Amino acid sequence: MPFILHSYLSGVSTAKLFAAGIIPGLFIAFLLMFYCYRVAVTGKVKCPAPERFSFARLVKSFKNSYLAVLAPVIILVGMLSGVVTPTETGIVAVTYCTIVGFVYKDLRLKDLPQIIRDSVLSTALIMFLVGTGSIMGWIVSVERLPALVSAGLLSITTNKYLLLFLINVIVLALGCVMEGIPIKMFLLPILIPILNQVGVDQVHFGVVMTIGTLLGMLTPPVGLGLYVMTTISNLTFEETIQAVLPFYGALLLALFILTYVPAITLWLPNLLFG
């Protein structure tokens, strides 16, 4: 959803954004897994003894999960091949996941009314934000705010790397108190002309900004995601922050590397789309 919204607001290809997000996603997963491995090996966190590898258990796990694993495959193959548009991909994915839910018996017919109601409410909220974002974009354009902000930022520096650093700081700060959707709707109309002027690739920036908005929701001391985790885990807010900080550090490192090494982000979309 964040990539689709970013594509709508910036005009960047959705397929390119999805392709650009694959390797950064794997990179972030590797960093988090490495940290988990280190704390488990050093005994900082008590972990249950792992089960010994068994080919039979592997086959059983695959049989239990292959239908669910196919969902992201269908989404990526559908969009990257051009067989379906991003909107049509969403329809296909929802239909497929609904069928799989009934196959796994996680869904029942009596659950559908509640699911539909929740989906309608979520969609209505997103569409309302999109509508207000369009109005905001019009106001920003009429008041020539991008030109004013551009002049202000470029008077500070014309170095694109320093500009990306400043933008990351702003996004992380806003992420403490806002969700990613309104952040993008507010900032993208202002930032795109500036980034084009200093030569920042829009596909690369789309991935960096999406990661930044998600990371902003975990940024202490106010990150909205921290309150959600506090509620789910039944921990105090201070305990949640203490538990999240090491992972936050790994994610912040990933954001820094991905910001300043665009080849990690752009290699796959350049390979697929030229």
C-alpha atoms as a PDB file:
ATOM      1  CA  MET A   1       0.000   0.000   0.000  1.00  0.00           C
ATOM      2  CA  PRO A   2       2.743   2.594   0.799  1.00  0.00           C
ATOM      3  CA  PHE A   3       4.357   1.986  -2.601  1.00  0.00           C
ATOM      4  CA  ILE A   4       1.047   2.237  -4.457  1.00  0.00           C
ATOM      5  CA  LEU A   5       0.251   5.518  -2.696  1.00  0.00           C
ATOM      6  CA  HIS A   6       3.745   6.834  -3.402  1.00  0.00           C
ATOM      7  CA  SER A   7       3.347   5.911  -7.063  1.00  0.00           C
ATOM      8  CA  TYR A   8       0.010   7.748  -7.220  1.00  0.00           C
ATOM      9  CA  LEU A   9       1.414  10.893  -5.616  1.00  0.00           C
ATOM     10  CA  SER A  10       4.757  11.017  -7.428  1.00  0.00           C
ATOM     11  CA  GLY A  11       4.014   9.442 -10.808  1.00  0.00           C
ATOM     12  CA  VAL A  12       6.755   6.829 -10.345  1.00  0.00           C
ATOM     13  CA  SER A  13       6.057   3.355 -11.764  1.00  0.00           C
ATOM     14  CA  THR A  14       4.498   1.085  -9.134  1.00  0.00           C
ATOM     15  CA  ALA A  15       6.198  -1.963 -10.633  1.00  0.00           C
ATOM     16  CA  LYS A  16       9.592  -0.252 -10.377  1.00  0.00           C
ATOM     17  CA  LEU A  17       8.932   0.650  -6.743  1.00  0.00           C
ATOM     18  CA  PHE A  18       7.992  -2.931  -5.901  1.00  0.00           C
ATOM     19  CA  ALA A  19      11.087  -4.233  -7.684  1.00  0.00           C
ATOM     20  CA  ALA A  20      13.255  -1.628  -5.950  1.00  0.00           C
ATOM     21  CA  GLY A  21      11.938  -2.676  -2.539  1.00  0.00           C
ATOM     22  CA  ILE A  22      12.871  -6.361  -2.807  1.00  0.00           C
ATOM     23  CA  ILE A  23      16.616  -6.189  -2.132  1.00  0.00           C
ATOM     24  CA  PRO A  24      16.300  -3.503   0.598  1.00  0.00           C
ATOM     25  CA  GLY A  25      13.647  -5.683   2.242  1.00  0.00           C
ATOM     26  CA  LEU A  26      15.985  -8.682   2.200  1.00  0.00           C
ATOM     27  CA  PHE A  27      18.825  -6.501   3.482  1.00  0.00           C
ATOM     28  CA  ILE A  28      16.740  -5.250   6.415  1.00  0.00           C
ATOM     29  CA  ALA A  29      15.585  -8.804   7.169  1.00  0.00           C
ATOM     30  CA  PHE A  30      19.230  -9.950   7.218  1.00  0.00           C
ATOM     31  CA  LEU A  31      20.221  -7.212   9.682  1.00  0.00           C
ATOM     32  CA  LEU A  32      17.346  -8.068  12.023  1.00  0.00           C
ATOM     33  CA  MET A  33      18.010 -11.813  11.796  1.00  0.00           C
ATOM     34  CA  PHE A  34      21.712 -11.233  12.474  1.00  0.00           C
ATOM     35  CA  TYR A  35      20.879  -9.237  15.601  1.00  0.00           C
ATOM     36  CA  CYS A  36      18.449 -11.923  16.807  1.00  0.00           C
ATOM     37  CA  TYR A  37      21.106 -14.576  16.182  1.00  0.00           C
ATOM     38  CA  ARG A  38      23.708 -12.624  18.160  1.00  0.00           C
ATOM     39  CA  VAL A  39      21.511 -12.091  21.225  1.00  0.00           C
ATOM     40  CA  ALA A  40      20.468 -15.755  21.146  1.00  0.00           C
ATOM     41  CA  VAL A  41      24.046 -17.057  20.846  1.00  0.00           C
ATOM     42  CA  THR A  42      25.409 -14.761  23.554  1.00  0.00           C
ATOM     43  CA  GLY A  43      22.600 -15.732  25.926  1.00  0.00           C
ATOM     44  CA  LYS A  44      21.268 -12.193  26.371  1.00  0.00           C
ATOM     45  CA  VAL A  45      17.820 -13.565  25.615  1.00  0.00           C
ATOM     46  CA  LYS A  46      16.727 -17.022  26.698  1.00  0.00           C
ATOM     47  CA  CYS A  47      15.505 -18.981  23.696  1.00  0.00           C
ATOM     48  CA  PRO A  48      14.053 -22.498  23.504  1.00  0.00           C
ATOM     49  CA  ALA A  49      16.384 -25.121  22.095  1.00  0.00           C
ATOM     50  CA  PRO A  50      15.898 -25.304  18.316  1.00  0.00           C
ATOM     51  CA  GLU A  51      14.495 -28.465  16.812  1.00  0.00           C
ATOM     52  CA  ARG A  52      16.955 -30.545  14.828  1.00  0.00           C
ATOM     53  CA  PHE A  53      16.600 -30.271  11.084  1.00  0.00           C
ATOM     54  CA  SER A  54      14.353 -32.891   9.562  1.00  0.00           C
ATOM     55  CA  PHE A  55      13.531 -33.192   5.884  1.00  0.00           C
ATOM     56  CA  ALA A  56      10.150 -34.672   6.790  1.00  0.00           C
ATOM     57  CA  ARG A  57       9.383 -31.620   8.954  1.00  0.00           C
ATOM     58  CA  LEU A  58      10.480 -29.349   6.102  1.00  0.00           C
ATOM     59  CA  VAL A  59       8.107 -31.087   3.696  1.00  0.00           C
ATOM     60  CA  LYS A  60       5.274 -30.900   6.227  1.00  0.00           C
ATOM     61  CA  SER A  61       5.878 -27.176   6.807  1.00  0.00           C
ATOM     62  CA  PHE A  62       5.915 -26.559   3.056  1.00  0.00           C
ATOM     63  CA  LYS A  63       2.615 -28.390   2.605  1.00  0.00           C
ATOM     64  CA  ASN A  64       1.073 -26.283   5.359  1.00  0.00           C
ATOM     65  CA  SER A  65       2.300 -22.959   4.009  1.00  0.00           C
ATOM     66  CA  TYR A  66       2.837 -23.075   0.242  1.00  0.00           C
ATOM     67  CA  LEU A  67      -0.599 -21.661  -0.570  1.00  0.00           C
ATOM     68  CA  ALA A  68       0.054 -18.633   1.643  1.00  0.00           C
ATOM     69  CA  VAL A  69       3.593 -18.184   0.269  1.00  0.00           C
ATOM     70  CA  LEU A  70       2.178 -18.022  -3.264  1.00  0.00           C
ATOM     71  CA  ALA A  71       0.297 -14.782  -2.474  1.00  0.00           C
ATOM     72  CA  PRO A  72       3.297 -12.408  -2.693  1.00  0.00           C
ATOM     73  CA  VAL A  73       4.591 -14.395  -5.672  1.00  0.00           C
ATOM     74  CA  ILE A  74       1.312 -13.805  -7.523  1.00  0.00           C
ATOM     75  CA  ILE A  75       1.429 -10.081  -6.684  1.00  0.00           C
ATOM     76  CA  LEU A  76       5.015  -9.578  -7.837  1.00  0.00           C
ATOM     77  CA  VAL A  77       4.810 -11.738 -10.955  1.00  0.00           C
ATOM     78  CA  GLY A  78       1.510 -10.143 -11.963  1.00  0.00           C
ATOM     79  CA  MET A  79       2.832  -6.584 -11.740  1.00  0.00           C
ATOM     80  CA  LEU A  80       6.378  -7.136 -12.968  1.00  0.00           C
ATOM     81  CA  SER A  81       5.183  -9.100 -15.989  1.00  0.00           C
ATOM     82  CA  GLY A  82       2.621  -6.439 -16.890  1.00  0.00           C
ATOM     83  CA  VAL A  83      -0.201  -8.987 -17.036  1.00  0.00           C
ATOM     84  CA  VAL A  84      -2.247  -6.941 -14.563  1.00  0.00           C
ATOM     85  CA  THR A  85      -2.151  -3.355 -13.311  1.00  0.00           C
ATOM     86  CA  PRO A  86      -1.375  -2.585  -9.639  1.00  0.00           C
ATOM     87  CA  THR A  87      -5.100  -2.065  -8.964  1.00  0.00           C
ATOM     88  CA  GLU A  88      -6.002  -5.366 -10.610  1.00  0.00           C
ATOM     89  CA  THR A  89      -3.190  -7.055  -8.677  1.00  0.00           C
ATOM     90  CA  GLY A  90      -4.829  -5.958  -5.435  1.00  0.00           C
ATOM     91  CA  ILE A  91      -8.141  -7.481  -6.538  1.00  0.00           C
ATOM     92  CA  VAL A  92      -6.440 -10.743  -7.524  1.00  0.00           C
ATOM     93  CA  ALA A  93      -4.509 -10.863  -4.235  1.00  0.00           C
ATOM     94  CA  VAL A  94      -7.595 -10.236  -2.088  1.00  0.00           C
ATOM     95  CA  THR A  95      -9.590 -12.876  -3.978  1.00  0.00           C
ATOM     96  CA  TYR A  96      -6.769 -15.405  -3.709  1.00  0.00           C
ATOM     97  CA  CYS A  97      -6.171 -14.746   0.010  1.00  0.00           C
ATOM     98  CA  THR A  98      -9.899 -15.065   0.717  1.00  0.00           C
ATOM     99  CA  ILE A  99     -10.008 -18.460  -0.993  1.00  0.00           C
ATOM    100  CA  VAL A 100      -6.862 -19.587   0.854  1.00  0.00           C
ATOM    101  CA  GLY A 101      -8.415 -18.432   4.135  1.00  0.00           C
ATOM    102  CA  PHE A 102     -11.356 -20.760   3.557  1.00  0.00           C
ATOM    103  CA  VAL A 103      -9.010 -23.585   2.525  1.00  0.00           C
ATOM    104  CA  TYR A 104      -7.012 -23.216   5.756  1.00  0.00           C
ATOM    105  CA  LYS A 105     -10.303 -22.831   7.663  1.00  0.00           C
ATOM    106  CA  ASP A 106      -9.111 -19.540   9.153  1.00  0.00           C
ATOM    107  CA  LEU A 107     -12.136 -17.849   7.569  1.00  0.00           C
ATOM    108  CA  ARG A 108     -15.785 -18.734   7.916  1.00  0.00           C
ATOM    109  CA  LEU A 109     -18.792 -17.372   6.079  1.00  0.00           C
ATOM    110  CA  LYS A 110     -20.065 -15.718   9.239  1.00  0.00           C
ATOM    111  CA  ASP A 111     -16.788 -13.762   9.462  1.00  0.00           C
ATOM    112  CA  LEU A 112     -17.300 -12.061   6.087  1.00  0.00           C
ATOM    113  CA  PRO A 113     -19.713  -9.273   7.198  1.00  0.00           C
ATOM    114  CA  GLN A 114     -17.269  -8.078   9.879  1.00  0.00           C
ATOM    115  CA  ILE A 115     -14.320  -8.327   7.473  1.00  0.00           C
ATOM    116  CA  ILE A 116     -16.180  -6.345   4.807  1.00  0.00           C
ATOM    117  CA  ARG A 117     -17.201  -3.690   7.336  1.00  0.00           C
ATOM    118  CA  ASP A 118     -13.618  -3.303   8.594  1.00  0.00           C
ATOM    119  CA  SER A 119     -12.339  -3.134   5.006  1.00  0.00           C
ATOM    120  CA  VAL A 120     -14.891  -0.473   4.067  1.00  0.00           C
ATOM    121  CA  LEU A 121     -13.912   1.654   7.068  1.00  0.00           C
ATOM    122  CA  SER A 122     -10.187   1.334   6.290  1.00  0.00           C
ATOM    123  CA  THR A 123     -10.727   2.087   2.602  1.00  0.00           C
ATOM    124  CA  ALA A 124     -12.944   5.072   3.401  1.00  0.00           C
ATOM    125  CA  LEU A 125     -10.247   6.498   5.674  1.00  0.00           C
ATOM    126  CA  ILE A 126      -7.578   6.073   2.997  1.00  0.00           C
ATOM    127  CA  MET A 127      -9.767   7.608   0.285  1.00  0.00           C
ATOM    128  CA  PHE A 128     -10.593  10.524   2.577  1.00  0.00           C
ATOM    129  CA  LEU A 129      -6.878  11.098   3.127  1.00  0.00           C
ATOM    130  CA  VAL A 130      -6.250  10.843  -0.623  1.00  0.00           C
ATOM    131  CA  GLY A 131      -9.008  13.390  -1.265  1.00  0.00           C
ATOM    132  CA  THR A 132      -7.738  15.832   1.346  1.00  0.00           C
ATOM    133  CA  GLY A 133      -4.211  15.223   0.074  1.00  0.00           C
ATOM    134  CA  SER A 134      -5.295  16.306  -3.403  1.00  0.00           C
ATOM    135  CA  ILE A 135      -6.730  19.511  -1.934  1.00  0.00           C
ATOM    136  CA  MET A 136      -3.524  20.007   0.012  1.00  0.00           C
ATOM    137  CA  GLY A 137      -1.517  19.497  -3.165  1.00  0.00           C
ATOM    138  CA  TRP A 138      -3.606  22.125  -4.958  1.00  0.00           C
ATOM    139  CA  ILE A 139      -3.130  24.636  -2.136  1.00  0.00           C
ATOM    140  CA  VAL A 140       0.601  23.922  -2.061  1.00  0.00           C
ATOM    141  CA  SER A 141       0.795  24.463  -5.824  1.00  0.00           C
ATOM    142  CA  VAL A 142      -1.261  27.688  -5.833  1.00  0.00           C
ATOM    143  CA  GLU A 143       0.751  29.181  -2.972  1.00  0.00           C
ATOM    144  CA  ARG A 144       3.976  28.181  -4.752  1.00  0.00           C
ATOM    145  CA  LEU A 145       5.140  26.467  -1.570  1.00  0.00           C
ATOM    146  CA  PRO A 146       7.471  24.022  -3.398  1.00  0.00           C
ATOM    147  CA  ALA A 147       9.366  26.950  -4.919  1.00  0.00           C
ATOM    148  CA  LEU A 148       9.651  28.690  -1.544  1.00  0.00           C
ATOM    149  CA  VAL A 149      10.775  25.549   0.305  1.00  0.00           C
ATOM    150  CA  SER A 150      13.103  24.645  -2.557  1.00  0.00           C
ATOM    151  CA  ALA A 151      14.736  28.058  -2.403  1.00  0.00           C
ATOM    152  CA  GLY A 152      15.058  27.752   1.368  1.00  0.00           C
ATOM    153  CA  LEU A 153      16.617  24.291   1.337  1.00  0.00           C
ATOM    154  CA  LEU A 154      18.871  24.975  -1.624  1.00  0.00           C
ATOM    155  CA  SER A 155      20.086  28.135   0.093  1.00  0.00           C
ATOM    156  CA  ILE A 156      21.325  25.864   2.895  1.00  0.00           C
ATOM    157  CA  THR A 157      22.978  23.320   0.605  1.00  0.00           C
ATOM    158  CA  THR A 158      22.845  21.975  -2.933  1.00  0.00           C
ATOM    159  CA  ASN A 159      24.516  18.726  -1.904  1.00  0.00           C
ATOM    160  CA  LYS A 160      21.981  15.966  -2.570  1.00  0.00           C
ATOM    161  CA  TYR A 161      23.412  13.744   0.165  1.00  0.00           C
ATOM    162  CA  LEU A 162      23.017  16.428   2.800  1.00  0.00           C
ATOM    163  CA  LEU A 163      19.500  17.148   1.511  1.00  0.00           C
ATOM    164  CA  LEU A 164      18.621  13.451   1.827  1.00  0.00           C
ATOM    165  CA  PHE A 165      19.938  13.509   5.400  1.00  0.00           C
ATOM    166  CA  LEU A 166      17.776  16.530   6.262  1.00  0.00           C
ATOM    167  CA  ILE A 167      14.728  14.931   4.630  1.00  0.00           C
ATOM    168  CA  ASN A 168      15.271  11.708   6.597  1.00  0.00           C
ATOM    169  CA  VAL A 169      15.425  13.688   9.840  1.00  0.00           C
ATOM    170  CA  ILE A 170      12.190  15.509   8.959  1.00  0.00           C
ATOM    171  CA  VAL A 171      10.409  12.269   8.004  1.00  0.00           C
ATOM    172  CA  LEU A 172      11.510  10.507  11.207  1.00  0.00           C
ATOM    173  CA  ALA A 173      10.375  13.477  13.299  1.00  0.00           C
ATOM    174  CA  LEU A 174       6.973  13.645  11.588  1.00  0.00           C
ATOM    175  CA  GLY A 175       6.641   9.858  11.876  1.00  0.00           C
ATOM    176  CA  CYS A 176       6.563  10.228  15.647  1.00  0.00           C
ATOM    177  CA  VAL A 177       3.163  11.897  15.497  1.00  0.00           C
ATOM    178  CA  MET A 178       1.763  11.072  12.034  1.00  0.00           C
ATOM    179  CA  GLU A 179       1.188   7.987   9.902  1.00  0.00           C
ATOM    180  CA  GLY A 180       3.009   7.452   6.626  1.00  0.00           C
ATOM    181  CA  ILE A 181       0.063   8.324   4.362  1.00  0.00           C
ATOM    182  CA  PRO A 182      -0.440  11.949   5.512  1.00  0.00           C
ATOM    183  CA  ILE A 183       3.343  12.459   5.682  1.00  0.00           C
ATOM    184  CA  LYS A 184       3.705  11.511   2.027  1.00  0.00           C
ATOM    185  CA  MET A 185       0.709  13.573   0.991  1.00  0.00           C
ATOM    186  CA  PHE A 186       2.127  16.623   2.720  1.00  0.00           C
ATOM    187  CA  LEU A 187       5.802  16.286   1.764  1.00  0.00           C
ATOM    188  CA  LEU A 188       5.912  14.743  -1.712  1.00  0.00           C
ATOM    189  CA  PRO A 189       4.478  17.728  -3.644  1.00  0.00           C
ATOM    190  CA  ILE A 190       7.139  19.873  -1.965  1.00  0.00           C
ATOM    191  CA  LEU A 191      10.108  17.505  -2.149  1.00  0.00           C
ATOM    192  CA  ILE A 192       9.813  16.092  -5.673  1.00  0.00           C
ATOM    193  CA  PRO A 193      10.795  19.345  -7.475  1.00  0.00           C
ATOM    194  CA  ILE A 194      13.746  19.801  -5.104  1.00  0.00           C
ATOM    195  CA  LEU A 195      15.000  16.242  -5.564  1.00  0.00           C
ATOM    196  CA  ASN A 196      14.637  16.462  -9.336  1.00  0.00           C
ATOM    197  CA  GLN A 197      16.688  19.648  -9.272  1.00  0.00           C
ATOM    198  CA  VAL A 198      19.609  18.023  -7.409  1.00  0.00           C
ATOM    199  CA  GLY A 199      19.438  14.750  -9.359  1.00  0.00           C
ATOM    200  CA  VAL A 200      18.001  12.251  -6.861  1.00  0.00           C
ATOM    201  CA  ASP A 201      16.411   9.206  -8.513  1.00  0.00           C
ATOM    202  CA  GLN A 202      12.680   9.140  -7.678  1.00  0.00           C
ATOM    203  CA  VAL A 203      12.497   5.335  -7.475  1.00  0.00           C
ATOM    204  CA  HIS A 204      15.362   5.299  -4.992  1.00  0.00           C
ATOM    205  CA  PHE A 205      13.776   8.095  -2.972  1.00  0.00           C
ATOM    206  CA  GLY A 206      10.423   6.286  -2.947  1.00  0.00           C
ATOM    207  CA  VAL A 207      11.986   3.306  -1.183  1.00  0.00           C
ATOM    208  CA  VAL A 208      13.995   5.478   1.219  1.00  0.00           C
ATOM    209  CA  MET A 209      10.995   7.622   2.170  1.00  0.00           C
ATOM    210  CA  THR A 210       8.746   4.590   2.655  1.00  0.00           C
ATOM    211  CA  ILE A 211      11.278   3.018   5.024  1.00  0.00           C
ATOM    212  CA  GLY A 212      11.668   6.362   6.784  1.00  0.00           C
ATOM    213  CA  THR A 213       7.934   6.796   7.391  1.00  0.00           C
ATOM    214  CA  LEU A 214       7.654   3.256   8.775  1.00  0.00           C
ATOM    215  CA  LEU A 215      10.704   3.770  10.975  1.00  0.00           C
ATOM    216  CA  GLY A 216       9.305   7.089  12.158  1.00  0.00           C
ATOM    217  CA  MET A 217       6.401   5.256  13.775  1.00  0.00           C
ATOM    218  CA  LEU A 218       8.948   3.485  16.008  1.00  0.00           C
ATOM    219  CA  THR A 219      10.937   6.611  16.841  1.00  0.00           C
ATOM    220  CA  PRO A 220      11.002   7.324  20.598  1.00  0.00           C
ATOM    221  CA  PRO A 221       9.677   9.004  22.560  1.00  0.00           C
ATOM    222  CA  VAL A 222       6.354   9.424  20.742  1.00  0.00           C
ATOM    223  CA  GLY A 223       6.293   6.861  17.878  1.00  0.00           C
ATOM    224  CA  LEU A 224       2.716   5.718  17.272  1.00  0.00           C
ATOM    225  CA  GLY A 225       3.838   2.141  16.625  1.00  0.00           C
ATOM    226  CA  LEU A 226       5.321   1.987  20.119  1.00  0.00           C
ATOM    227  CA  TYR A 227       1.881   2.516  21.660  1.00  0.00           C
ATOM    228  CA  VAL A 228       0.433  -0.284  19.531  1.00  0.00           C
ATOM    229  CA  MET A 229       3.190  -2.663  20.664  1.00  0.00           C
ATOM    230  CA  THR A 230       2.703  -1.591  24.269  1.00  0.00           C
ATOM    231  CA  THR A 231      -0.982  -2.500  24.081  1.00  0.00           C
ATOM    232  CA  ILE A 232      -0.381  -5.858  22.388  1.00  0.00           C
ATOM    233  CA  SER A 233       2.528  -6.953  24.592  1.00  0.00           C
ATOM    234  CA  ASN A 234       1.072  -5.760  27.916  1.00  0.00           C
ATOM    235  CA  LEU A 235       4.385  -4.042  28.701  1.00  0.00           C
ATOM    236  CA  THR A 236       4.891  -0.556  30.033  1.00  0.00           C
ATOM    237  CA  PHE A 237       5.794   2.120  27.503  1.00  0.00           C
ATOM    238  CA  GLU A 238       9.327   2.354  28.941  1.00  0.00           C
ATOM    239  CA  GLU A 239       9.808  -1.430  28.663  1.00  0.00           C
ATOM    240  CA  THR A 240       8.631  -1.348  25.053  1.00  0.00           C
ATOM    241  CA  ILE A 241      11.113   1.396  24.146  1.00  0.00           C
ATOM    242  CA  GLN A 242      13.935  -0.510  25.842  1.00  0.00           C
ATOM    243  CA  ALA A 243      13.067  -3.674  23.910  1.00  0.00           C
ATOM    244  CA  VAL A 244      12.703  -1.873  20.577  1.00  0.00           C
ATOM    245  CA  LEU A 245      15.873   0.253  20.700  1.00  0.00           C
ATOM    246  CA  PRO A 246      18.333  -2.433  19.459  1.00  0.00           C
ATOM    247  CA  PHE A 247      16.056  -3.248  16.516  1.00  0.00           C
ATOM    248  CA  TYR A 248      15.575   0.470  15.913  1.00  0.00           C
ATOM    249  CA  GLY A 249      19.332   0.854  15.722  1.00  0.00           C
ATOM    250  CA  ALA A 250      19.550  -1.887  13.085  1.00  0.00           C
ATOM    251  CA  LEU A 251      16.737  -0.294  11.074  1.00  0.00           C
ATOM    252  CA  LEU A 252      18.346   3.142  11.339  1.00  0.00           C
ATOM    253  CA  LEU A 253      21.614   1.669  10.042  1.00  0.00           C
ATOM    254  CA  ALA A 254      19.712   0.104   7.143  1.00  0.00           C
ATOM    255  CA  LEU A 255      18.052   3.446   6.336  1.00  0.00           C
ATOM    256  CA  PHE A 256      21.444   5.185   6.345  1.00  0.00           C
ATOM    257  CA  ILE A 257      23.057   2.596   4.057  1.00  0.00           C
ATOM    258  CA  LEU A 258      20.123   2.500   1.641  1.00  0.00           C
ATOM    259  CA  THR A 259      20.012   6.301   1.488  1.00  0.00           C
ATOM    260  CA  TYR A 260      23.640   6.649   0.470  1.00  0.00           C
ATOM    261  CA  VAL A 261      24.114   3.466  -1.572  1.00  0.00           C
ATOM    262  CA  PRO A 262      21.350   3.794  -4.201  1.00  0.00           C
ATOM    263  CA  ALA A 263      22.773   0.861  -6.182  1.00  0.00           C
ATOM    264  CA  ILE A 264      21.242  -1.506  -3.610  1.00  0.00           C
ATOM    265  CA  THR A 265      17.808  -0.128  -4.414  1.00  0.00           C
ATOM    266  CA  LEU A 266      18.157   0.501  -8.143  1.00  0.00           C
ATOM    267  CA  TRP A 267      20.002  -2.616  -9.304  1.00  0.00           C
ATOM    268  CA  LEU A 268      16.934  -4.844  -9.676  1.00  0.00           C
ATOM    269  CA  PRO A 269      14.547  -2.313 -11.315  1.00  0.00           C
ATOM    270  CA  ASN A 270      17.330  -1.287 -13.712  1.00  0.00           C
ATOM    271  CA  LEU A 271      17.888  -4.943 -14.555  1.00  0.00           C
ATOM    272  CA  LEU A 272      14.190  -5.621 -15.132  1.00  0.00           C
ATOM    273  CA  PHE A 273      13.105  -2.385 -16.775  1.00  0.00           C
ATOM    274  CA  GLY A 274      16.333  -0.902 -18.122  1.00  0.00           C
END
